Protein backbone atom coordinates (compact mmCIF):
# COMPACT_ATOMS: atom_id res chain seq x y z
CA MET A 1 125.37 93.36 124.33
CA PRO A 2 128.01 91.73 126.56
CA PHE A 3 128.36 88.06 125.75
CA VAL A 4 127.55 87.02 129.29
CA ILE A 5 124.00 88.39 128.83
CA TYR A 6 123.42 85.77 126.10
CA VAL A 7 124.76 83.13 128.46
CA LEU A 8 122.27 84.22 131.08
CA GLY A 9 119.57 83.83 128.36
CA LEU A 10 120.82 80.32 127.82
CA GLY A 11 120.31 79.55 131.51
CA ILE A 12 116.80 80.96 131.34
CA PHE A 13 116.12 78.77 128.30
CA ALA A 14 117.23 75.61 130.03
CA GLN A 15 115.25 76.26 133.18
CA GLY A 16 112.37 78.00 131.51
CA THR A 17 111.85 74.85 129.41
CA SER A 18 110.82 73.08 132.60
CA GLU A 19 108.35 75.86 133.47
CA PHE A 20 106.69 76.03 130.07
CA MET A 21 106.80 72.38 128.92
CA LEU A 22 104.13 71.33 131.44
CA SER A 23 101.48 72.58 128.98
CA GLY A 24 102.38 69.72 126.72
CA VAL A 25 103.70 67.23 129.34
CA MET A 26 100.63 67.43 131.77
CA PRO A 27 98.46 64.95 129.82
CA SER A 28 101.23 62.36 130.08
CA ILE A 29 101.81 63.00 133.76
CA ALA A 30 98.04 62.78 134.43
CA GLN A 31 97.78 59.48 132.56
CA ASP A 32 100.90 57.90 134.02
CA LEU A 33 100.12 58.88 137.60
CA ASP A 34 96.38 58.24 137.19
CA ILE A 35 95.24 61.66 138.35
CA PRO A 36 92.76 64.14 136.77
CA LEU A 37 94.17 66.77 134.35
CA THR A 38 93.12 69.54 136.72
CA SER A 39 95.11 67.92 139.45
CA ALA A 40 98.16 67.76 137.24
CA GLY A 41 97.61 71.44 136.70
CA MET A 42 98.62 71.87 140.42
CA LEU A 43 102.16 71.27 139.24
CA VAL A 44 102.06 74.61 137.42
CA SER A 45 100.82 76.34 140.56
CA ALA A 46 103.37 74.56 142.77
CA PHE A 47 106.15 75.83 140.50
CA ALA A 48 104.75 79.36 140.66
CA ILE A 49 104.46 79.19 144.44
CA GLY A 50 108.09 78.01 144.72
CA MET A 51 109.18 81.02 142.58
CA LEU A 52 106.88 83.43 144.48
CA VAL A 53 108.61 82.44 147.80
CA GLY A 54 112.01 81.78 146.35
CA ALA A 55 112.67 85.03 144.49
CA PRO A 56 112.81 87.39 147.52
CA LEU A 57 114.02 84.67 149.90
CA MET A 58 116.94 83.57 147.73
CA SER A 59 117.85 87.20 147.00
CA LEU A 60 118.13 87.83 150.79
CA VAL A 61 120.07 84.65 151.46
CA THR A 62 122.59 85.42 148.64
CA LEU A 63 122.68 89.19 149.12
CA LYS A 64 126.44 89.23 149.91
CA MET A 65 127.46 86.17 147.89
CA PRO A 66 129.63 86.53 144.75
CA ARG A 67 127.28 86.65 141.76
CA ARG A 68 129.01 83.69 140.00
CA ALA A 69 128.80 81.41 143.04
CA ALA A 70 125.13 82.17 143.61
CA LEU A 71 124.11 81.70 139.99
CA VAL A 72 125.96 78.39 139.64
CA GLY A 73 124.56 77.21 143.01
CA PHE A 74 121.03 77.89 141.96
CA GLN A 75 121.53 75.87 138.79
CA LEU A 76 123.00 72.87 140.65
CA VAL A 77 119.97 72.76 142.98
CA PHE A 78 117.66 72.97 139.95
CA ILE A 79 119.46 70.07 138.26
CA ALA A 80 119.23 67.98 141.45
CA ALA A 81 115.51 68.57 141.77
CA HIS A 82 114.82 67.41 138.24
CA VAL A 83 116.90 64.33 138.60
CA GLY A 84 115.02 63.46 141.81
CA ALA A 85 111.65 64.05 140.13
CA ALA A 86 112.63 61.63 137.28
CA LEU A 87 113.80 58.96 139.69
CA VAL A 88 110.82 59.02 141.97
CA PRO A 89 107.59 59.25 139.90
CA HIS A 90 105.17 59.94 142.70
CA PHE A 91 102.82 62.92 142.51
CA GLY A 92 103.41 64.17 146.06
CA PHE A 93 107.18 63.99 145.63
CA LEU A 94 106.90 65.58 142.26
CA LEU A 95 105.05 68.55 143.73
CA VAL A 96 107.83 69.00 146.29
CA MET A 97 110.53 68.87 143.63
CA ARG A 98 108.63 71.41 141.58
CA VAL A 99 108.58 73.79 144.47
CA LEU A 100 112.37 73.24 145.17
CA SER A 101 113.39 73.64 141.53
CA ALA A 102 111.24 76.73 141.28
CA MET A 103 112.90 78.28 144.27
CA ALA A 104 116.32 77.74 142.61
CA TYR A 105 115.03 79.04 139.27
CA ALA A 106 113.62 82.12 140.96
CA GLY A 107 116.99 82.92 142.57
CA PHE A 108 118.78 82.44 139.28
CA TRP A 109 116.33 84.51 137.31
CA ALA A 110 116.32 87.35 139.86
CA MET A 111 120.10 87.55 139.93
CA ALA A 112 120.34 87.14 136.18
CA SER A 113 117.91 90.06 135.66
CA VAL A 114 119.96 92.32 137.94
CA ALA A 115 123.16 91.26 136.31
CA ALA A 116 121.88 92.03 132.84
CA ILE A 117 120.60 95.45 133.88
CA SER A 118 123.89 96.25 135.62
CA LEU A 119 126.03 95.48 132.58
CA VAL A 120 124.47 97.95 130.23
CA ASP A 121 123.65 101.67 130.06
CA ALA A 122 120.23 102.84 131.08
CA ASP A 123 119.01 103.33 127.51
CA LYS A 124 119.71 99.59 126.71
CA GLN A 125 118.15 97.99 129.83
CA GLY A 126 114.93 97.01 128.07
CA ARG A 127 116.92 95.43 125.28
CA ALA A 128 119.15 93.56 127.74
CA MET A 129 116.09 92.21 129.52
CA GLY A 130 114.70 91.21 126.15
CA VAL A 131 117.78 89.15 125.46
CA VAL A 132 117.59 87.39 128.84
CA VAL A 133 113.82 86.75 128.58
CA SER A 134 114.23 85.59 125.00
CA GLY A 135 115.49 82.40 126.60
CA LEU A 136 111.80 81.75 127.51
CA SER A 137 110.72 82.24 123.91
CA VAL A 138 113.40 79.79 122.68
CA ALA A 139 112.13 77.41 125.37
CA THR A 140 108.66 77.57 123.85
CA ILE A 141 110.04 77.09 120.30
CA ILE A 142 112.41 74.22 121.05
CA GLY A 143 112.17 73.08 124.68
CA VAL A 144 108.37 72.82 124.93
CA PRO A 145 107.74 70.85 121.68
CA GLY A 146 110.84 68.72 122.48
CA GLY A 147 109.59 68.07 126.02
CA THR A 148 106.20 67.20 124.69
CA LEU A 149 107.59 64.74 122.14
CA LEU A 150 109.77 63.10 124.78
CA ALA A 151 106.80 62.76 127.12
CA GLN A 152 104.71 61.25 124.36
CA HIS A 153 107.24 58.75 123.18
CA ALA A 154 109.58 58.08 126.10
CA GLY A 155 107.63 59.12 129.19
CA TRP A 156 107.42 62.43 130.98
CA GLU A 157 110.48 61.47 133.09
CA ALA A 158 112.61 61.70 129.92
CA ALA A 159 111.58 65.36 129.60
CA PHE A 160 112.80 65.97 133.12
CA TRP A 161 116.16 64.30 132.37
CA ALA A 162 116.55 66.46 129.24
CA VAL A 163 115.91 69.68 131.26
CA ALA A 164 118.62 68.59 133.78
CA ALA A 165 121.07 67.94 130.99
CA MET A 166 120.39 71.30 129.29
CA THR A 167 120.81 73.18 132.61
CA ALA A 168 124.12 71.40 133.18
CA VAL A 169 125.33 72.67 129.77
CA SER A 170 124.26 76.20 130.62
CA THR A 171 126.09 75.96 133.96
CA ILE A 172 129.29 75.07 132.22
CA ALA A 173 128.84 77.99 129.81
CA LEU A 174 128.30 80.37 132.77
CA LEU A 175 131.46 79.15 134.50
CA ILE A 176 133.37 79.97 131.30
CA ALA A 177 131.72 83.34 130.50
CA LEU A 178 131.70 84.69 134.11
CA PRO A 179 135.15 84.02 135.64
CA GLY A 180 135.64 83.80 139.33
CA GLY A 181 137.53 86.18 141.49
CA ARG A 182 136.48 89.64 142.57
CA ASP A 183 133.06 90.56 141.16
CA THR A 184 133.68 94.09 139.85
CA THR A 185 130.23 94.36 138.29
CA ARG A 186 128.37 94.09 141.55
CA ALA A 187 128.14 96.86 144.13
CA GLN A 188 127.58 95.45 147.55
CA PRO A 189 123.93 96.03 148.34
CA ARG A 190 122.70 97.07 151.81
CA LEU A 191 119.69 95.36 153.24
CA ALA A 192 118.17 98.50 154.73
CA THR A 193 118.46 100.40 151.48
CA GLU A 194 117.00 97.50 149.48
CA LEU A 195 114.06 97.34 151.85
CA ARG A 196 113.50 101.08 151.65
CA SER A 197 113.47 100.84 147.84
CA LEU A 198 110.14 99.02 148.11
CA MET A 199 108.46 102.04 149.73
CA GLN A 200 107.25 103.42 146.40
CA PRO A 201 103.55 103.23 145.40
CA ARG A 202 104.43 103.34 141.66
CA LEU A 203 106.60 100.25 142.13
CA TRP A 204 103.71 98.18 143.44
CA VAL A 205 101.51 99.29 140.58
CA ALA A 206 104.28 98.08 138.25
CA TYR A 207 104.35 94.78 140.15
CA ALA A 208 100.64 94.42 139.63
CA THR A 209 101.22 94.99 135.88
CA THR A 210 103.82 92.16 135.96
CA ALA A 211 101.47 89.78 137.72
CA LEU A 212 98.49 90.54 135.40
CA THR A 213 100.58 90.24 132.25
CA VAL A 214 101.68 86.74 133.12
CA ALA A 215 98.23 85.77 134.39
CA ALA A 216 96.80 86.72 131.03
CA GLN A 217 99.36 84.48 129.34
CA PHE A 218 99.18 81.41 131.63
CA ALA A 219 95.42 81.39 131.91
CA ILE A 220 95.53 80.16 128.29
CA PHE A 221 98.96 78.60 127.95
CA SER A 222 98.66 76.31 130.97
CA TYR A 223 95.96 74.23 129.18
CA LEU A 224 96.79 75.09 125.58
CA GLY A 225 97.99 71.59 124.76
CA ALA A 226 94.75 70.03 126.00
CA LEU A 227 92.70 72.75 124.18
CA LEU A 228 94.43 72.00 120.95
CA GLU A 229 93.73 68.25 121.28
CA ASP A 230 90.14 68.26 122.79
CA VAL A 231 88.56 71.41 121.27
CA THR A 232 90.52 72.19 118.16
CA GLY A 233 90.81 68.53 117.33
CA LEU A 234 94.50 68.41 116.36
CA SER A 235 96.32 65.20 116.45
CA THR A 236 98.70 64.45 119.29
CA GLY A 237 101.69 64.74 116.88
CA LEU A 238 100.70 68.24 115.76
CA VAL A 239 100.42 69.77 119.24
CA PRO A 240 104.18 70.14 119.82
CA LEU A 241 104.42 71.93 116.42
CA VAL A 242 101.77 74.43 117.28
CA LEU A 243 103.28 75.01 120.76
CA GLY A 244 106.50 75.68 118.89
CA LEU A 245 104.72 78.27 116.73
CA TYR A 246 103.63 79.98 119.98
CA GLY A 247 107.33 80.29 120.72
CA VAL A 248 108.00 81.74 117.29
CA GLY A 249 105.42 84.39 117.97
CA ALA A 250 106.99 84.99 121.36
CA PHE A 251 110.43 85.42 119.83
CA ILE A 252 109.11 87.95 117.28
CA GLY A 253 107.33 89.78 120.07
CA LEU A 254 110.47 89.98 122.25
CA THR A 255 112.60 91.14 119.40
CA ILE A 256 110.25 94.04 118.58
CA GLY A 257 109.43 94.80 122.32
CA GLY A 258 113.10 94.82 123.28
CA ARG A 259 113.80 97.64 120.81
CA VAL A 260 110.73 99.73 121.73
CA ALA A 261 110.52 99.22 125.52
CA ASP A 262 113.17 101.86 126.43
CA ARG A 263 111.66 104.52 124.18
CA ALA A 264 107.88 104.06 124.66
CA PRO A 265 107.18 101.62 127.50
CA PHE A 266 103.48 102.69 128.12
CA THR A 267 102.53 102.66 124.44
CA LEU A 268 104.01 99.18 124.06
CA LEU A 269 102.22 97.97 127.22
CA LEU A 270 98.88 99.23 126.06
CA VAL A 271 99.02 98.40 122.37
CA GLY A 272 100.60 94.98 122.95
CA MET A 273 97.99 93.90 125.54
CA ALA A 274 95.18 95.25 123.37
CA ALA A 275 96.32 92.91 120.64
CA PHE A 276 96.45 90.05 123.14
CA ILE A 277 92.87 90.75 124.28
CA VAL A 278 91.62 90.70 120.72
CA ALA A 279 93.45 87.39 120.02
CA ALA A 280 92.17 85.79 123.25
CA THR A 281 88.58 86.85 122.62
CA ALA A 282 88.78 85.44 119.06
CA LEU A 283 90.26 82.15 120.40
CA ALA A 284 87.39 81.80 122.87
CA VAL A 285 84.91 81.95 120.00
CA THR A 286 86.83 80.07 117.27
CA ALA A 287 88.89 77.49 119.18
CA HIS A 288 87.14 74.68 117.19
CA VAL A 289 88.54 76.07 113.85
CA ALA A 290 92.01 74.71 113.42
CA TRP A 291 93.62 77.19 111.03
CA VAL A 292 92.24 80.18 112.90
CA THR A 293 93.41 78.77 116.29
CA VAL A 294 96.94 78.18 114.93
CA ALA A 295 97.16 81.84 113.68
CA LEU A 296 95.80 83.11 117.00
CA VAL A 297 98.34 81.06 119.01
CA VAL A 298 101.20 82.81 117.15
CA LEU A 299 99.56 86.23 117.80
CA LEU A 300 99.06 85.43 121.49
CA GLY A 301 102.70 84.60 121.87
CA ALA A 302 103.92 87.72 120.02
CA ALA A 303 101.53 90.06 121.88
CA ASN A 304 102.21 88.86 125.40
CA PHE A 305 105.99 88.39 125.08
CA GLY A 306 106.16 91.68 123.17
CA VAL A 307 105.14 93.62 126.28
CA THR A 308 107.50 91.69 128.61
CA PRO A 309 110.63 93.94 128.11
CA ALA A 310 108.49 97.01 128.93
CA VAL A 311 107.07 95.30 132.01
CA ASN A 312 110.59 94.63 133.35
CA ALA A 313 111.95 98.04 132.27
CA ARG A 314 109.15 99.82 134.15
CA VAL A 315 110.15 98.05 137.42
CA PHE A 316 113.85 98.65 137.04
CA SER A 317 113.44 102.31 136.05
CA ILE A 318 111.52 102.97 139.30
CA LEU A 319 114.00 101.02 141.40
CA GLY A 320 117.06 102.83 140.05
CA GLU A 321 120.29 101.48 141.63
CA THR A 322 118.60 99.64 144.51
CA ARG A 323 117.45 96.77 142.34
CA THR A 324 118.50 93.47 143.98
CA LEU A 325 115.54 92.88 146.33
CA GLY A 326 113.11 94.89 144.23
CA GLY A 327 113.98 92.87 141.11
CA ALA A 328 113.43 89.68 143.06
CA VAL A 329 109.96 90.95 144.09
CA ASN A 330 109.23 91.42 140.44
CA ILE A 331 109.98 87.72 139.77
CA ALA A 332 107.66 86.96 142.74
CA ALA A 333 104.94 89.14 141.08
CA PHE A 334 105.53 87.25 137.86
CA ASN A 335 104.75 84.03 139.65
CA VAL A 336 101.68 85.42 141.43
CA GLY A 337 100.22 85.54 137.94
CA ILE A 338 101.40 82.00 137.15
CA ALA A 339 99.94 80.64 140.36
CA VAL A 340 96.54 82.40 140.12
CA ALA A 341 95.94 81.82 136.31
CA PRO A 342 95.71 77.95 136.25
CA VAL A 343 93.38 77.98 139.22
CA ALA A 344 91.01 80.54 137.62
CA SER A 345 91.15 78.67 134.32
CA GLY A 346 90.55 75.38 136.08
CA LEU A 347 87.34 76.67 137.54
CA VAL A 348 86.11 77.73 134.11
CA ILE A 349 87.01 74.34 132.55
CA ASN A 350 84.55 72.66 134.88
CA THR A 351 81.78 74.89 133.62
CA GLY A 352 79.92 74.81 130.35
CA LEU A 353 82.56 76.94 128.74
CA GLY A 354 85.13 74.11 128.95
CA LEU A 355 88.74 74.55 127.77
CA ALA A 356 87.79 77.32 125.36
CA GLY A 357 86.71 79.35 128.43
CA THR A 358 90.39 79.73 129.46
CA ALA A 359 90.74 82.32 126.67
CA TRP A 360 88.03 84.43 128.27
CA ILE A 361 89.93 84.39 131.52
CA GLY A 362 93.11 85.44 129.70
CA ALA A 363 91.22 88.32 128.07
CA ALA A 364 89.87 89.38 131.50
CA PHE A 365 93.40 89.51 133.02
CA GLY A 366 94.52 91.45 129.94
CA VAL A 367 91.82 94.12 130.63
CA ALA A 368 92.99 94.36 134.25
CA HIS A 369 96.54 94.72 132.96
CA MET A 370 95.56 97.77 130.90
CA GLY A 371 93.94 99.39 133.96
CA SER A 372 97.16 98.85 135.91
CA VAL A 373 99.27 100.45 133.13
CA LEU A 374 97.07 103.46 132.91
CA LEU A 375 97.33 103.97 136.68
CA ASP A 376 101.13 103.59 136.46
CA ARG A 377 101.24 106.17 133.69
CA HIS A 378 99.07 108.59 135.73
CA LEU A 379 101.32 108.23 138.82
CA THR A 380 104.43 108.59 136.75
CA ARG A 381 103.23 111.86 135.22
CA ARG A 382 102.42 113.17 138.72
CA HIS A 383 105.82 112.06 139.94
CA GLU A 384 107.61 113.73 137.02
CA ALA A 385 105.61 116.93 137.57
CA GLY A 386 106.77 117.03 141.21
CA THR A 387 103.22 116.75 142.69
CA GLU A 388 103.83 113.48 144.55
CA GLU A 389 105.23 113.10 148.05
CA PRO A 390 108.80 111.85 148.23
CA THR A 391 108.73 108.12 147.53
CA THR A 392 112.11 107.00 146.18
CA VAL A 393 114.92 105.94 148.48
CA SER A 394 116.92 109.03 147.64
CA GLU A 395 114.00 111.36 148.18
CA LEU A 396 113.11 109.72 151.50
CA GLU A 397 116.64 110.16 152.70
CA HIS A 398 116.84 113.83 151.74
CA ALA A 399 113.27 114.89 152.47
CA PRO A 400 112.96 117.39 155.41
CA ALA A 401 111.76 116.04 158.63
CA ALA A 402 108.11 116.62 159.51
CA THR A 403 107.52 119.25 162.20
């Protein structure tokens, strides 16, 4: 793998820590700002909405910009938003800063994904995406527990300062690893061609798979810190450790998934999510048993992150070379799942099922994911057999005109 791909993973780690650490930081924010926990959960949805809007919007705005300038610019905005949030501890302002930082993160992630795919051969794209996304698993291993500990002992603002500092380090590393000057790795994309690349039914099924995969994860993960304390009965000091174990599982899953995604994407998507559904169902029933819950947390991280390289590989294999806007829409789909999941879980928490009910919601999203994958596989087989109407950009351009 080119070294710059690992640097892009470092950037995802720094910024992804902010996205994932809210699971452990939310109780501190709720207490400090004197708001209900479910209201603090709106910060997760606000971040997701910012990414949902920001991914395609930032891709369009920076379509002709040099890749290095755009990536660094996104990181600088992200840093500024976190510094602002730490300096002005007001819930309304915090919501705005979450949206702003998410838009910058979405732009960085979309461009980083395209860069990683562009720098390797087609048979290594899943692995390259696995390296980039591994930044998220490292965030759950190190960043999330670290952010939780900072919030518990120094206030949630300290966690935001730490994220800003880590992002600054990753920005410097990117400036070193990706020199300025003429960007020879980036073909100049055309807006019309990028828009036409979205005219593929299979692509939107793959986007649905992306959204459902993430919804299954965040339905549980958004409130996992609270579940571990209130249902499992773990002490506050043990929660960061267990969240770190979730990240260990995620790293294991990404390592395996990254090596399998290019060879057998559909098998990985189905088997991995089946394992997630089993683990989520078991968690819903046994969340009060500490040792079982800890084991299931590791399995949940491994299963969900294990399918992630295949989720991304499916989208980019359909897009082909017109991947800038289409890749950004995939990031938006990712955040549709993040935005919907906490809301759905929040509704369940207020019923008799309580926090353990979030696992049932995660399992339900997992079942929907499998339906989406099966539909994608069916459409792909029809496409490969030549029984579909022309749908790709190349096919649309060369198809005979209707008479």
